[in-house]
Amino acid sequence: MAALATPPTSLDTELYVIHPLDDVQEQKCSTEGLGPMELTPTVRFSLLTLRVYLIAMTAVVVYRTLSLAHVFGHHAR
């Protein structure tokens, strides 16, 4: 902990921060000819689970919004 509290010495390297908009532009990578990305079964399952979850949560929001708008009548409380 004492090492963190010591003041910087003259031997420390100075770092300069350059904003990305002020930096020299570099050539972008080409994505032509790459094809579709291979997914492992674990990643495929995770993405499917996320998709089902997002669809279910969207359905809950739509149902709640319609019930607050009294679209379903009084029996849907």
C-alpha atoms as a PDB file:
ATOM      1  CA  MET A   1       0.000   0.000   0.000  1.00  0.00           C
ATOM      2  CA  ALA A   2       2.940   2.310   0.628  1.00  0.00           C
ATOM      3  CA  ALA A   3       4.044   1.931  -2.987  1.00  0.00           C
ATOM      4  CA  LEU A   4       0.754   3.393  -4.164  1.00  0.00           C
ATOM      5  CA  ALA A   5       1.119   6.454  -1.937  1.00  0.00           C
ATOM      6  CA  THR A   6       4.637   7.430  -2.986  1.00  0.00           C
ATOM      7  CA  PRO A   7       4.999  10.500  -5.206  1.00  0.00           C
ATOM      8  CA  PRO A   8       6.234   9.927  -8.773  1.00  0.00           C
ATOM      9  CA  THR A   9       9.967  10.145  -9.347  1.00  0.00           C
ATOM     10  CA  SER A  10      11.837  11.583 -12.294  1.00  0.00           C
ATOM     11  CA  LEU A  11      12.496   8.040 -13.567  1.00  0.00           C
ATOM     12  CA  ASP A  12       8.790   7.353 -14.183  1.00  0.00           C
ATOM     13  CA  THR A  13       7.696   7.295 -17.811  1.00  0.00           C
ATOM     14  CA  GLU A  14       5.357  10.067 -18.871  1.00  0.00           C
ATOM     15  CA  LEU A  15       2.318   8.958 -20.815  1.00  0.00           C
ATOM     16  CA  TYR A  16       0.533  11.233 -23.243  1.00  0.00           C
ATOM     17  CA  VAL A  17      -3.167  10.749 -23.902  1.00  0.00           C
ATOM     18  CA  ILE A  18      -4.240  11.325 -27.491  1.00  0.00           C
ATOM     19  CA  HIS A  19      -7.938  11.567 -28.258  1.00  0.00           C
ATOM     20  CA  PRO A  20      -8.993   9.188 -31.075  1.00  0.00           C
ATOM     21  CA  LEU A  21     -10.375  12.089 -33.125  1.00  0.00           C
ATOM     22  CA  ASP A  22      -7.004  13.853 -32.952  1.00  0.00           C
ATOM     23  CA  ASP A  23      -4.992  10.734 -33.798  1.00  0.00           C
ATOM     24  CA  VAL A  24      -3.733   9.769 -37.255  1.00  0.00           C
ATOM     25  CA  GLN A  25      -6.294   7.627 -39.081  1.00  0.00           C
ATOM     26  CA  GLU A  26      -5.330   4.054 -39.788  1.00  0.00           C
ATOM     27  CA  GLN A  27      -6.478   1.837 -42.633  1.00  0.00           C
ATOM     28  CA  LYS A  28      -9.576  -0.194 -41.816  1.00  0.00           C
ATOM     29  CA  CYS A  29      -9.573  -3.988 -42.077  1.00  0.00           C
ATOM     30  CA  SER A  30     -11.474  -5.499 -44.981  1.00  0.00           C
ATOM     31  CA  THR A  31     -14.257  -7.922 -44.065  1.00  0.00           C
ATOM     32  CA  GLU A  32     -14.814  -9.171 -47.611  1.00  0.00           C
ATOM     33  CA  GLY A  33     -14.581 -12.911 -48.017  1.00  0.00           C
ATOM     34  CA  LEU A  34     -14.770 -13.738 -44.311  1.00  0.00           C
ATOM     35  CA  GLY A  35     -18.091 -15.584 -44.435  1.00  0.00           C
ATOM     36  CA  PRO A  36     -20.317 -16.404 -41.476  1.00  0.00           C
ATOM     37  CA  MET A  37     -18.795 -16.771 -38.029  1.00  0.00           C
ATOM     38  CA  GLU A  38     -18.644 -20.267 -36.516  1.00  0.00           C
ATOM     39  CA  LEU A  39     -20.509 -20.525 -33.201  1.00  0.00           C
ATOM     40  CA  THR A  40     -19.799 -23.081 -30.534  1.00  0.00           C
ATOM     41  CA  PRO A  41     -22.815 -24.918 -29.057  1.00  0.00           C
ATOM     42  CA  THR A  42     -22.412 -22.979 -25.794  1.00  0.00           C
ATOM     43  CA  VAL A  43     -22.498 -19.615 -27.576  1.00  0.00           C
ATOM     44  CA  ARG A  44     -25.428 -20.715 -29.734  1.00  0.00           C
ATOM     45  CA  PHE A  45     -27.368 -21.772 -26.594  1.00  0.00           C
ATOM     46  CA  SER A  46     -26.532 -18.495 -24.834  1.00  0.00           C
ATOM     47  CA  LEU A  47     -27.724 -16.413 -27.776  1.00  0.00           C
ATOM     48  CA  LEU A  48     -30.909 -18.469 -28.091  1.00  0.00           C
ATOM     49  CA  THR A  49     -31.576 -18.051 -24.368  1.00  0.00           C
ATOM     50  CA  LEU A  50     -31.012 -14.304 -24.639  1.00  0.00           C
ATOM     51  CA  ARG A  51     -33.380 -14.096 -27.621  1.00  0.00           C
ATOM     52  CA  VAL A  52     -36.132 -15.986 -25.752  1.00  0.00           C
ATOM     53  CA  TYR A  53     -35.634 -13.797 -22.669  1.00  0.00           C
ATOM     54  CA  LEU A  54     -35.858 -10.569 -24.691  1.00  0.00           C
ATOM     55  CA  ILE A  55     -38.997 -11.752 -26.482  1.00  0.00           C
ATOM     56  CA  ALA A  56     -40.588 -12.719 -23.146  1.00  0.00           C
ATOM     57  CA  MET A  57     -39.717  -9.381 -21.527  1.00  0.00           C
ATOM     58  CA  THR A  58     -41.087  -7.506 -24.542  1.00  0.00           C
ATOM     59  CA  ALA A  59     -44.319  -9.482 -24.229  1.00  0.00           C
ATOM     60  CA  VAL A  60     -44.521  -8.599 -20.519  1.00  0.00           C
ATOM     61  CA  VAL A  61     -44.038  -4.889 -21.276  1.00  0.00           C
ATOM     62  CA  VAL A  62     -46.666  -4.959 -24.039  1.00  0.00           C
ATOM     63  CA  TYR A  63     -49.134  -6.831 -21.805  1.00  0.00           C
ATOM     64  CA  ARG A  64     -48.556  -4.449 -18.893  1.00  0.00           C
ATOM     65  CA  THR A  65     -48.939  -1.400 -21.147  1.00  0.00           C
ATOM     66  CA  LEU A  66     -52.187  -2.729 -22.624  1.00  0.00           C
ATOM     67  CA  SER A  67     -53.547  -3.626 -19.183  1.00  0.00           C
ATOM     68  CA  LEU A  68     -52.760  -0.114 -17.907  1.00  0.00           C
ATOM     69  CA  ALA A  69     -54.612   1.254 -20.950  1.00  0.00           C
ATOM     70  CA  HIS A  70     -57.635  -0.883 -19.911  1.00  0.00           C
ATOM     71  CA  VAL A  71     -57.686  -2.704 -23.223  1.00  0.00           C
ATOM     72  CA  PHE A  72     -58.556  -6.002 -21.532  1.00  0.00           C
ATOM     73  CA  GLY A  73     -61.311  -4.648 -19.305  1.00  0.00           C
ATOM     74  CA  HIS A  74     -61.627  -4.861 -15.503  1.00  0.00           C
ATOM     75  CA  HIS A  75     -61.202  -8.630 -15.195  1.00  0.00           C
ATOM     76  CA  ALA A  76     -57.483  -8.461 -16.163  1.00  0.00           C
ATOM     77  CA  ARG A  77     -56.273  -6.789 -12.982  1.00  0.00           C
END
